[in-house]
């Protein structure tokens, strides 16, 4: 459970600090962006794939408004609940490994 909470917080932080323009957020978009990261987050891959990092960067474009960020956060919470084996260290290192800077 701790891993899920940490993972959700990392992704929420990514979404929270985005400022780029984008369209309205829906869970399909968020899930598609994060799906390539599952092997890294669950320990199957030693580093995030290029597709994973592209998805993380895509999240920056998905949630330009507060309402979009809230919607994305709910999507992330729902998605993370399906993966109880998400590793804390992988989740916290994901932004840095993908070159996404959070203020």
PDB file of N, CA and C in Angstrom:
ATOM      1  N   UNK A   1       0.829  -1.190   0.000  1.00  0.00           N
ATOM      2  CA  UNK A   1       0.000   0.000   0.000  1.00  0.00           C
ATOM      3  C   UNK A   1       0.869   1.248   0.000  1.00  0.00           C
ATOM      4  N   UNK A   2       1.974   1.208   0.738  1.00  0.00           N
ATOM      5  CA  UNK A   2       2.876   2.354   0.801  1.00  0.00           C
ATOM      6  C   UNK A   2       3.418   2.687  -0.584  1.00  0.00           C
ATOM      7  N   UNK A   3       3.749   1.659  -1.351  1.00  0.00           N
ATOM      8  CA  UNK A   3       4.262   1.869  -2.701  1.00  0.00           C
ATOM      9  C   UNK A   3       3.249   2.551  -3.594  1.00  0.00           C
ATOM     10  N   UNK A   4       2.001   2.181  -3.466  1.00  0.00           N
ATOM     11  CA  UNK A   4       0.945   2.806  -4.270  1.00  0.00           C
ATOM     12  C   UNK A   4       0.834   4.275  -3.907  1.00  0.00           C
ATOM     13  N   UNK A   5       0.857   4.565  -2.617  1.00  0.00           N
ATOM     14  CA  UNK A   5       0.731   5.947  -2.173  1.00  0.00           C
ATOM     15  C   UNK A   5       1.894   6.780  -2.693  1.00  0.00           C
ATOM     16  N   UNK A   6       3.106   6.269  -2.586  1.00  0.00           N
ATOM     17  CA  UNK A   6       4.281   6.988  -3.078  1.00  0.00           C
ATOM     18  C   UNK A   6       4.169   7.199  -4.583  1.00  0.00           C
ATOM     19  N   UNK A   7       3.782   6.165  -5.307  1.00  0.00           N
ATOM     20  CA  UNK A   7       3.659   6.270  -6.755  1.00  0.00           C
ATOM     21  C   UNK A   7       2.616   7.294  -7.151  1.00  0.00           C
ATOM     22  N   UNK A   8       1.502   7.261  -6.469  1.00  0.00           N
ATOM     23  CA  UNK A   8       0.446   8.223  -6.762  1.00  0.00           C
ATOM     24  C   UNK A   8       0.953   9.634  -6.494  1.00  0.00           C
ATOM     25  N   UNK A   9       1.665   9.812  -5.393  1.00  0.00           N
ATOM     26  CA  UNK A   9       2.180  11.142  -5.069  1.00  0.00           C
ATOM     27  C   UNK A   9       3.175  11.639  -6.112  1.00  0.00           C
ATOM     28  N   UNK A  10       4.023  10.756  -6.607  1.00  0.00           N
ATOM     29  CA  UNK A  10       4.986  11.161  -7.628  1.00  0.00           C
ATOM     30  C   UNK A  10       4.269  11.604  -8.898  1.00  0.00           C
ATOM     31  N   UNK A  11       3.327  10.807  -9.333  1.00  0.00           N
ATOM     32  CA  UNK A  11       2.616  11.158 -10.561  1.00  0.00           C
ATOM     33  C   UNK A  11       1.739  12.387 -10.341  1.00  0.00           C
ATOM     34  N   UNK A  12       1.134  12.485  -9.162  1.00  0.00           N
ATOM     35  CA  UNK A  12       0.332  13.677  -8.854  1.00  0.00           C
ATOM     36  C   UNK A  12       1.231  14.904  -8.876  1.00  0.00           C
ATOM     37  N   UNK A  13       2.436  14.776  -8.342  1.00  0.00           N
ATOM     38  CA  UNK A  13       3.362  15.908  -8.364  1.00  0.00           C
ATOM     39  C   UNK A  13       3.702  16.294  -9.800  1.00  0.00           C
ATOM     40  N   UNK A  14       3.894  15.296 -10.651  1.00  0.00           N
ATOM     41  CA  UNK A  14       4.147  15.594 -12.062  1.00  0.00           C
ATOM     42  C   UNK A  14       2.993  16.375 -12.660  1.00  0.00           C
ATOM     43  N   UNK A  15       1.794  15.897 -12.421  1.00  0.00           N
ATOM     44  CA  UNK A  15       0.608  16.548 -12.971  1.00  0.00           C
ATOM     45  C   UNK A  15       0.413  17.919 -12.333  1.00  0.00           C
ATOM     46  N   UNK A  16       0.673  18.011 -11.045  1.00  0.00           N
ATOM     47  CA  UNK A  16       0.446  19.245 -10.302  1.00  0.00           C
ATOM     48  C   UNK A  16       1.279  20.405 -10.827  1.00  0.00           C
ATOM     49  N   UNK A  17       2.479  20.142 -11.238  1.00  0.00           N
ATOM     50  CA  UNK A  17       3.385  21.214 -11.612  1.00  0.00           C
ATOM     51  C   UNK A  17       3.521  21.427 -13.112  1.00  0.00           C
ATOM     52  N   UNK A  18       2.550  20.978 -13.854  1.00  0.00           N
ATOM     53  CA  UNK A  18       2.578  21.151 -15.297  1.00  0.00           C
ATOM     54  C   UNK A  18       2.046  22.516 -15.682  1.00  0.00           C
ATOM     55  N   UNK A  19       2.570  23.058 -16.752  1.00  0.00           N
ATOM     56  CA  UNK A  19       2.094  24.358 -17.183  1.00  0.00           C
ATOM     57  C   UNK A  19       1.882  24.462 -18.679  1.00  0.00           C
ATOM     58  N   UNK A  20       2.037  23.390 -19.379  1.00  0.00           N
ATOM     59  CA  UNK A  20       1.901  23.442 -20.830  1.00  0.00           C
ATOM     60  C   UNK A  20       0.427  23.337 -21.227  1.00  0.00           C
ATOM     61  N   UNK A  21       0.117  23.799 -22.432  1.00  0.00           N
ATOM     62  CA  UNK A  21      -1.253  23.749 -22.925  1.00  0.00           C
ATOM     63  C   UNK A  21      -1.614  22.315 -23.308  1.00  0.00           C
ATOM     64  N   UNK A  22      -2.872  21.972 -23.181  1.00  0.00           N
ATOM     65  CA  UNK A  22      -3.332  20.643 -23.552  1.00  0.00           C
ATOM     66  C   UNK A  22      -4.847  20.627 -23.646  1.00  0.00           C
ATOM     67  N   UNK A  23      -5.374  19.474 -23.942  1.00  0.00           N
ATOM     68  CA  UNK A  23      -6.817  19.307 -24.048  1.00  0.00           C
ATOM     69  C   UNK A  23      -7.354  18.799 -22.715  1.00  0.00           C
ATOM     70  N   UNK A  24      -8.669  18.700 -22.632  1.00  0.00           N
ATOM     71  CA  UNK A  24      -9.295  18.187 -21.420  1.00  0.00           C
ATOM     72  C   UNK A  24      -8.764  16.780 -21.122  1.00  0.00           C
ATOM     73  N   UNK A  25      -8.576  16.490 -19.854  1.00  0.00           N
ATOM     74  CA  UNK A  25      -7.996  15.222 -19.426  1.00  0.00           C
ATOM     75  C   UNK A  25      -9.081  14.166 -19.259  1.00  0.00           C
ATOM     76  N   UNK A  26      -8.782  12.967 -19.721  1.00  0.00           N
ATOM     77  CA  UNK A  26      -9.630  11.830 -19.395  1.00  0.00           C
ATOM     78  C   UNK A  26      -8.719  10.676 -18.987  1.00  0.00           C
ATOM     79  N   UNK A  27      -9.286   9.714 -18.288  1.00  0.00           N
ATOM     80  CA  UNK A  27      -8.475   8.619 -17.752  1.00  0.00           C
ATOM     81  C   UNK A  27      -7.808   7.789 -18.843  1.00  0.00           C
ATOM     82  N   UNK A  28      -8.427   7.696 -19.991  1.00  0.00           N
ATOM     83  CA  UNK A  28      -7.798   6.964 -21.088  1.00  0.00           C
ATOM     84  C   UNK A  28      -6.469   7.578 -21.474  1.00  0.00           C
ATOM     85  N   UNK A  29      -6.420   8.900 -21.533  1.00  0.00           N
ATOM     86  CA  UNK A  29      -5.174   9.590 -21.869  1.00  0.00           C
ATOM     87  C   UNK A  29      -4.115   9.383 -20.782  1.00  0.00           C
ATOM     88  N   UNK A  30      -4.527   9.519 -19.537  1.00  0.00           N
ATOM     89  CA  UNK A  30      -3.588   9.347 -18.430  1.00  0.00           C
ATOM     90  C   UNK A  30      -3.077   7.915 -18.403  1.00  0.00           C
ATOM     91  N   UNK A  31      -3.973   6.954 -18.522  1.00  0.00           N
ATOM     92  CA  UNK A  31      -3.568   5.543 -18.517  1.00  0.00           C
ATOM     93  C   UNK A  31      -2.629   5.222 -19.669  1.00  0.00           C
ATOM     94  N   UNK A  32      -2.914   5.755 -20.837  1.00  0.00           N
ATOM     95  CA  UNK A  32      -2.046   5.526 -21.994  1.00  0.00           C
ATOM     96  C   UNK A  32      -0.661   6.110 -21.769  1.00  0.00           C
ATOM     97  N   UNK A  33      -0.623   7.266 -21.138  1.00  0.00           N
ATOM     98  CA  UNK A  33       0.665   7.902 -20.866  1.00  0.00           C
ATOM     99  C   UNK A  33       1.491   7.105 -19.870  1.00  0.00           C
ATOM    100  N   UNK A  34       0.838   6.537 -18.880  1.00  0.00           N
ATOM    101  CA  UNK A  34       1.552   5.834 -17.817  1.00  0.00           C
ATOM    102  C   UNK A  34       1.785   4.349 -18.082  1.00  0.00           C
ATOM    103  N   UNK A  35       1.025   3.742 -18.963  1.00  0.00           N
ATOM    104  CA  UNK A  35       1.124   2.294 -19.199  1.00  0.00           C
ATOM    105  C   UNK A  35       2.540   1.818 -19.506  1.00  0.00           C
ATOM    106  N   UNK A  36       3.310   2.527 -20.341  1.00  0.00           N
ATOM    107  CA  UNK A  36       4.667   2.042 -20.615  1.00  0.00           C
ATOM    108  C   UNK A  36       5.595   2.080 -19.400  1.00  0.00           C
ATOM    109  N   UNK A  37       5.187   2.731 -18.330  1.00  0.00           N
ATOM    110  CA  UNK A  37       6.028   2.837 -17.131  1.00  0.00           C
ATOM    111  C   UNK A  37       5.842   1.678 -16.165  1.00  0.00           C
ATOM    112  N   UNK A  38       4.810   0.889 -16.350  1.00  0.00           N
ATOM    113  CA  UNK A  38       4.508  -0.186 -15.400  1.00  0.00           C
ATOM    114  C   UNK A  38       5.680  -1.157 -15.228  1.00  0.00           C
ATOM    115  N   UNK A  39       6.350  -1.606 -16.300  1.00  0.00           N
ATOM    116  CA  UNK A  39       7.478  -2.517 -16.077  1.00  0.00           C
ATOM    117  C   UNK A  39       8.577  -1.910 -15.197  1.00  0.00           C
ATOM    118  N   UNK A  40       8.860  -0.639 -15.367  1.00  0.00           N
ATOM    119  CA  UNK A  40       9.862   0.005 -14.522  1.00  0.00           C
ATOM    120  C   UNK A  40       9.353   0.159 -13.090  1.00  0.00           C
ATOM    121  N   UNK A  41       8.122   0.614 -12.939  1.00  0.00           N
ATOM    122  CA  UNK A  41       7.567   0.866 -11.608  1.00  0.00           C
ATOM    123  C   UNK A  41       7.398  -0.398 -10.780  1.00  0.00           C
ATOM    124  N   UNK A  42       7.205  -1.532 -11.440  1.00  0.00           N
ATOM    125  CA  UNK A  42       7.024  -2.792 -10.718  1.00  0.00           C
ATOM    126  C   UNK A  42       8.308  -3.616 -10.625  1.00  0.00           C
ATOM    127  N   UNK A  43       9.415  -3.085 -11.106  1.00  0.00           N
ATOM    128  CA  UNK A  43      10.699  -3.751 -10.976  1.00  0.00           C
ATOM    129  C   UNK A  43      11.066  -4.673 -12.108  1.00  0.00           C
ATOM    130  N   UNK A  44      10.270  -4.727 -13.152  1.00  0.00           N
ATOM    131  CA  UNK A  44      10.573  -5.579 -14.291  1.00  0.00           C
ATOM    132  C   UNK A  44      11.685  -5.035 -15.174  1.00  0.00           C
ATOM    133  N   UNK A  45      11.813  -3.721 -15.223  1.00  0.00           N
ATOM    134  CA  UNK A  45      12.863  -3.062 -16.006  1.00  0.00           C
ATOM    135  C   UNK A  45      13.752  -2.258 -15.067  1.00  0.00           C
ATOM    136  N   UNK A  46      15.043  -2.221 -15.376  1.00  0.00           N
ATOM    137  CA  UNK A  46      15.993  -1.482 -14.540  1.00  0.00           C
ATOM    138  C   UNK A  46      15.891   0.023 -14.735  1.00  0.00           C
ATOM    139  N   UNK A  47      15.404   0.447 -15.895  1.00  0.00           N
ATOM    140  CA  UNK A  47      15.259   1.878 -16.162  1.00  0.00           C
ATOM    141  C   UNK A  47      13.994   2.094 -16.987  1.00  0.00           C
ATOM    142  N   UNK A  48      13.453   3.315 -16.931  1.00  0.00           N
ATOM    143  CA  UNK A  48      12.236   3.573 -17.708  1.00  0.00           C
ATOM    144  C   UNK A  48      12.539   3.550 -19.210  1.00  0.00           C
ATOM    145  N   UNK A  49      11.617   3.029 -19.957  1.00  0.00           N
ATOM    146  CA  UNK A  49      11.775   2.951 -21.411  1.00  0.00           C
ATOM    147  C   UNK A  49      11.571   4.338 -22.023  1.00  0.00           C
ATOM    148  N   UNK A  50      12.048   4.533 -23.259  1.00  0.00           N
ATOM    149  CA  UNK A  50      11.766   5.794 -23.938  1.00  0.00           C
ATOM    150  C   UNK A  50      10.263   6.084 -24.032  1.00  0.00           C
ATOM    151  N   UNK A  51       9.457   5.034 -24.227  1.00  0.00           N
ATOM    152  CA  UNK A  51       8.007   5.225 -24.293  1.00  0.00           C
ATOM    153  C   UNK A  51       7.452   5.688 -22.946  1.00  0.00           C
ATOM    154  N   UNK A  52       8.001   5.176 -21.857  1.00  0.00           N
ATOM    155  CA  UNK A  52       7.583   5.601 -20.526  1.00  0.00           C
ATOM    156  C   UNK A  52       7.895   7.080 -20.334  1.00  0.00           C
ATOM    157  N   UNK A  53       9.105   7.477 -20.646  1.00  0.00           N
ATOM    158  CA  UNK A  53       9.495   8.885 -20.469  1.00  0.00           C
ATOM    159  C   UNK A  53       8.677   9.798 -21.370  1.00  0.00           C
ATOM    160  N   UNK A  54       8.372   9.348 -22.566  1.00  0.00           N
ATOM    161  CA  UNK A  54       7.514  10.146 -23.446  1.00  0.00           C
ATOM    162  C   UNK A  54       6.134  10.300 -22.822  1.00  0.00           C
ATOM    163  N   UNK A  55       5.639   9.246 -22.183  1.00  0.00           N
ATOM    164  CA  UNK A  55       4.346   9.312 -21.520  1.00  0.00           C
ATOM    165  C   UNK A  55       4.351  10.265 -20.343  1.00  0.00           C
ATOM    166  N   UNK A  56       5.420  10.245 -19.560  1.00  0.00           N
ATOM    167  CA  UNK A  56       5.540  11.163 -18.419  1.00  0.00           C
ATOM    168  C   UNK A  56       5.564  12.603 -18.925  1.00  0.00           C
ATOM    169  N   UNK A  57       6.321  12.833 -19.976  1.00  0.00           N
ATOM    170  CA  UNK A  57       6.378  14.184 -20.544  1.00  0.00           C
ATOM    171  C   UNK A  57       5.025  14.588 -21.133  1.00  0.00           C
ATOM    172  N   UNK A  58       4.304  13.624 -21.674  1.00  0.00           N
ATOM    173  CA  UNK A  58       2.976  13.897 -22.214  1.00  0.00           C
ATOM    174  C   UNK A  58       2.014  14.360 -21.120  1.00  0.00           C
ATOM    175  N   UNK A  59       2.205  13.855 -19.903  1.00  0.00           N
ATOM    176  CA  UNK A  59       1.349  14.282 -18.799  1.00  0.00           C
ATOM    177  C   UNK A  59       1.451  15.792 -18.576  1.00  0.00           C
ATOM    178  N   UNK A  60       2.597  16.347 -18.868  1.00  0.00           N
ATOM    179  CA  UNK A  60       2.758  17.789 -18.718  1.00  0.00           C
ATOM    180  C   UNK A  60       1.795  18.547 -19.627  1.00  0.00           C
ATOM    181  N   UNK A  61       1.530  17.989 -20.768  1.00  0.00           N
ATOM    182  CA  UNK A  61       0.651  18.646 -21.735  1.00  0.00           C
ATOM    183  C   UNK A  61      -0.831  18.347 -21.492  1.00  0.00           C
ATOM    184  N   UNK A  62      -1.128  17.359 -20.691  1.00  0.00           N
ATOM    185  CA  UNK A  62      -2.518  16.940 -20.503  1.00  0.00           C
ATOM    186  C   UNK A  62      -3.297  17.784 -19.504  1.00  0.00           C
ATOM    187  N   UNK A  63      -2.621  18.422 -18.592  1.00  0.00           N
ATOM    188  CA  UNK A  63      -3.344  19.048 -17.475  1.00  0.00           C
ATOM    189  C   UNK A  63      -2.941  20.501 -17.242  1.00  0.00           C
ATOM    190  N   UNK A  64      -3.342  21.394 -18.118  1.00  0.00           N
ATOM    191  CA  UNK A  64      -2.956  22.798 -17.948  1.00  0.00           C
ATOM    192  C   UNK A  64      -3.772  23.548 -16.893  1.00  0.00           C
ATOM    193  N   UNK A  65      -4.973  23.098 -16.601  1.00  0.00           N
ATOM    194  CA  UNK A  65      -5.826  23.815 -15.656  1.00  0.00           C
ATOM    195  C   UNK A  65      -5.936  23.047 -14.341  1.00  0.00           C
ATOM    196  N   UNK A  66      -6.378  23.719 -13.313  1.00  0.00           N
ATOM    197  CA  UNK A  66      -6.572  23.072 -12.020  1.00  0.00           C
ATOM    198  C   UNK A  66      -7.565  21.924 -12.129  1.00  0.00           C
ATOM    199  N   UNK A  67      -8.633  22.136 -12.861  1.00  0.00           N
ATOM    200  CA  UNK A  67      -9.635  21.072 -13.033  1.00  0.00           C
ATOM    201  C   UNK A  67      -9.036  19.866 -13.743  1.00  0.00           C
ATOM    202  N   UNK A  68      -8.215  20.104 -14.757  1.00  0.00           N
ATOM    203  CA  UNK A  68      -7.557  19.007 -15.458  1.00  0.00           C
ATOM    204  C   UNK A  68      -6.614  18.253 -14.529  1.00  0.00           C
ATOM    205  N   UNK A  69      -5.893  18.979 -13.693  1.00  0.00           N
ATOM    206  CA  UNK A  69      -4.962  18.346 -12.751  1.00  0.00           C
ATOM    207  C   UNK A  69      -5.715  17.470 -11.755  1.00  0.00           C
ATOM    208  N   UNK A  70      -6.857  17.962 -11.285  1.00  0.00           N
ATOM    209  CA  UNK A  70      -7.657  17.159 -10.358  1.00  0.00           C
ATOM    210  C   UNK A  70      -8.183  15.899 -11.034  1.00  0.00           C
ATOM    211  N   UNK A  71      -8.632  16.033 -12.261  1.00  0.00           N
ATOM    212  CA  UNK A  71      -9.133  14.867 -12.998  1.00  0.00           C
ATOM    213  C   UNK A  71      -8.020  13.857 -13.222  1.00  0.00           C
ATOM    214  N   UNK A  72      -6.839  14.338 -13.607  1.00  0.00           N
ATOM    215  CA  UNK A  72      -5.704  13.447 -13.830  1.00  0.00           C
ATOM    216  C   UNK A  72      -5.302  12.743 -12.538  1.00  0.00           C
ATOM    217  N   UNK A  73      -5.326  13.467 -11.431  1.00  0.00           N
ATOM    218  CA  UNK A  73      -4.968  12.886 -10.135  1.00  0.00           C
ATOM    219  C   UNK A  73      -5.906  11.726  -9.793  1.00  0.00           C
ATOM    220  N   UNK A  74      -7.201  11.893 -10.040  1.00  0.00           N
ATOM    221  CA  UNK A  74      -8.156  10.819  -9.763  1.00  0.00           C
ATOM    222  C   UNK A  74      -7.894   9.618 -10.670  1.00  0.00           C
ATOM    223  N   UNK A  75      -7.562   9.882 -11.908  1.00  0.00           N
ATOM    224  CA  UNK A  75      -7.232   8.789 -12.839  1.00  0.00           C
ATOM    225  C   UNK A  75      -6.008   8.017 -12.355  1.00  0.00           C
ATOM    226  N   UNK A  76      -4.998   8.736 -11.892  1.00  0.00           N
ATOM    227  CA  UNK A  76      -3.771   8.108 -11.415  1.00  0.00           C
ATOM    228  C   UNK A  76      -4.054   7.258 -10.186  1.00  0.00           C
ATOM    229  N   UNK A  77      -4.866   7.767  -9.268  1.00  0.00           N
ATOM    230  CA  UNK A  77      -5.205   6.996  -8.070  1.00  0.00           C
ATOM    231  C   UNK A  77      -5.878   5.682  -8.442  1.00  0.00           C
ATOM    232  N   UNK A  78      -6.808   5.750  -9.375  1.00  0.00           N
ATOM    233  CA  UNK A  78      -7.524   4.552  -9.806  1.00  0.00           C
ATOM    234  C   UNK A  78      -6.580   3.562 -10.477  1.00  0.00           C
ATOM    235  N   UNK A  79      -5.724   4.072 -11.351  1.00  0.00           N
ATOM    236  CA  UNK A  79      -4.782   3.202 -12.058  1.00  0.00           C
ATOM    237  C   UNK A  79      -3.778   2.576 -11.104  1.00  0.00           C
ATOM    238  N   UNK A  80      -3.250   3.342 -10.169  1.00  0.00           N
ATOM    239  CA  UNK A  80      -2.234   2.833  -9.239  1.00  0.00           C
ATOM    240  C   UNK A  80      -2.792   1.730  -8.345  1.00  0.00           C
ATOM    241  N   UNK A  81      -4.068   1.785  -8.046  1.00  0.00           N
ATOM    242  CA  UNK A  81      -4.684   0.764  -7.196  1.00  0.00           C
ATOM    243  C   UNK A  81      -4.649  -0.618  -7.846  1.00  0.00           C
ATOM    244  N   UNK A  82      -4.520  -0.660  -9.166  1.00  0.00           N
ATOM    245  CA  UNK A  82      -4.470  -1.951  -9.867  1.00  0.00           C
ATOM    246  C   UNK A  82      -3.082  -2.596  -9.815  1.00  0.00           C
ATOM    247  N   UNK A  83      -2.084  -1.879  -9.315  1.00  0.00           N
ATOM    248  CA  UNK A  83      -0.702  -2.376  -9.297  1.00  0.00           C
ATOM    249  C   UNK A  83      -0.129  -2.288  -7.883  1.00  0.00           C
ATOM    250  N   UNK A  84      -0.454  -3.249  -7.020  1.00  0.00           N
ATOM    251  CA  UNK A  84       0.014  -3.179  -5.632  1.00  0.00           C
ATOM    252  C   UNK A  84       1.516  -3.398  -5.474  1.00  0.00           C
ATOM    253  N   UNK A  85       2.195  -3.845  -6.517  1.00  0.00           N
ATOM    254  CA  UNK A  85       3.626  -4.125  -6.405  1.00  0.00           C
ATOM    255  C   UNK A  85       4.499  -3.001  -6.967  1.00  0.00           C
ATOM    256  N   UNK A  86       3.985  -1.789  -7.040  1.00  0.00           N
ATOM    257  CA  UNK A  86       4.788  -0.653  -7.480  1.00  0.00           C
ATOM    258  C   UNK A  86       5.854  -0.385  -6.418  1.00  0.00           C
ATOM    259  N   UNK A  87       7.091  -0.222  -6.867  1.00  0.00           N
ATOM    260  CA  UNK A  87       8.214  -0.031  -5.953  1.00  0.00           C
ATOM    261  C   UNK A  87       8.421   1.456  -5.656  1.00  0.00           C
ATOM    262  N   UNK A  88       8.594   1.760  -4.377  1.00  0.00           N
ATOM    263  CA  UNK A  88       8.775   3.140  -3.929  1.00  0.00           C
ATOM    264  C   UNK A  88       9.943   3.824  -4.637  1.00  0.00           C
ATOM    265  N   UNK A  89      11.086   3.163  -4.662  1.00  0.00           N
ATOM    266  CA  UNK A  89      12.283   3.772  -5.232  1.00  0.00           C
ATOM    267  C   UNK A  89      12.099   4.080  -6.716  1.00  0.00           C
ATOM    268  N   UNK A  90      11.470   3.179  -7.428  1.00  0.00           N
ATOM    269  CA  UNK A  90      11.232   3.405  -8.858  1.00  0.00           C
ATOM    270  C   UNK A  90      10.291   4.583  -9.064  1.00  0.00           C
ATOM    271  N   UNK A  91       9.244   4.654  -8.267  1.00  0.00           N
ATOM    272  CA  UNK A  91       8.272   5.733  -8.408  1.00  0.00           C
ATOM    273  C   UNK A  91       8.893   7.088  -8.115  1.00  0.00           C
ATOM    274  N   UNK A  92       9.694   7.161  -7.078  1.00  0.00           N
ATOM    275  CA  UNK A  92      10.282   8.446  -6.718  1.00  0.00           C
ATOM    276  C   UNK A  92      11.383   8.872  -7.682  1.00  0.00           C
ATOM    277  N   UNK A  93      12.035   7.913  -8.325  1.00  0.00           N
ATOM    278  CA  UNK A  93      13.118   8.254  -9.251  1.00  0.00           C
ATOM    279  C   UNK A  93      12.641   8.503 -10.682  1.00  0.00           C
ATOM    280  N   UNK A  94      11.407   8.153 -10.975  1.00  0.00           N
ATOM    281  CA  UNK A  94      10.903   8.238 -12.353  1.00  0.00           C
ATOM    282  C   UNK A  94      11.033   9.627 -12.978  1.00  0.00           C
ATOM    283  N   UNK A  95      10.595  10.694 -12.316  1.00  0.00           N
ATOM    284  CA  UNK A  95      10.726  12.008 -12.961  1.00  0.00           C
ATOM    285  C   UNK A  95      12.170  12.340 -13.327  1.00  0.00           C
ATOM    286  N   UNK A  96      13.090  12.119 -12.406  1.00  0.00           N
ATOM    287  CA  UNK A  96      14.493  12.433 -12.667  1.00  0.00           C
ATOM    288  C   UNK A  96      15.051  11.582 -13.799  1.00  0.00           C
ATOM    289  N   UNK A  97      14.738  10.302 -13.788  1.00  0.00           N
ATOM    290  CA  UNK A  97      15.263   9.415 -14.829  1.00  0.00           C
ATOM    291  C   UNK A  97      14.716   9.758 -16.201  1.00  0.00           C
ATOM    292  N   UNK A  98      13.540  10.385 -16.235  1.00  0.00           N
ATOM    293  CA  UNK A  98      12.950  10.783 -17.515  1.00  0.00           C
ATOM    294  C   UNK A  98      13.251  12.236 -17.868  1.00  0.00           C
ATOM    295  N   UNK A  99      14.015  12.909 -17.027  1.00  0.00           N
ATOM    296  CA  UNK A  99      14.383  14.294 -17.315  1.00  0.00           C
ATOM    297  C   UNK A  99      13.231  15.277 -17.141  1.00  0.00           C
ATOM    298  N   UNK A 100      12.279  14.922 -16.302  1.00  0.00           N
ATOM    299  CA  UNK A 100      11.154  15.818 -16.014  1.00  0.00           C
ATOM    300  C   UNK A 100      11.455  16.481 -14.680  1.00  0.00           C
ATOM    301  N   UNK A 101      11.528  17.804 -14.709  1.00  0.00           N
ATOM    302  CA  UNK A 101      11.869  18.559 -13.500  1.00  0.00           C
ATOM    303  C   UNK A 101      10.614  19.079 -12.838  1.00  0.00           C
ATOM    304  N   UNK A 102      10.545  18.838 -11.535  1.00  0.00           N
ATOM    305  CA  UNK A 102       9.421  19.291 -10.729  1.00  0.00           C
ATOM    306  C   UNK A 102       9.928  20.384  -9.797  1.00  0.00           C
ATOM    307  N   UNK A 103       9.239  21.483  -9.767  1.00  0.00           N
ATOM    308  CA  UNK A 103       9.624  22.588  -8.862  1.00  0.00           C
ATOM    309  C   UNK A 103       9.481  22.154  -7.421  1.00  0.00           C
TER     310      UNK A 103
END
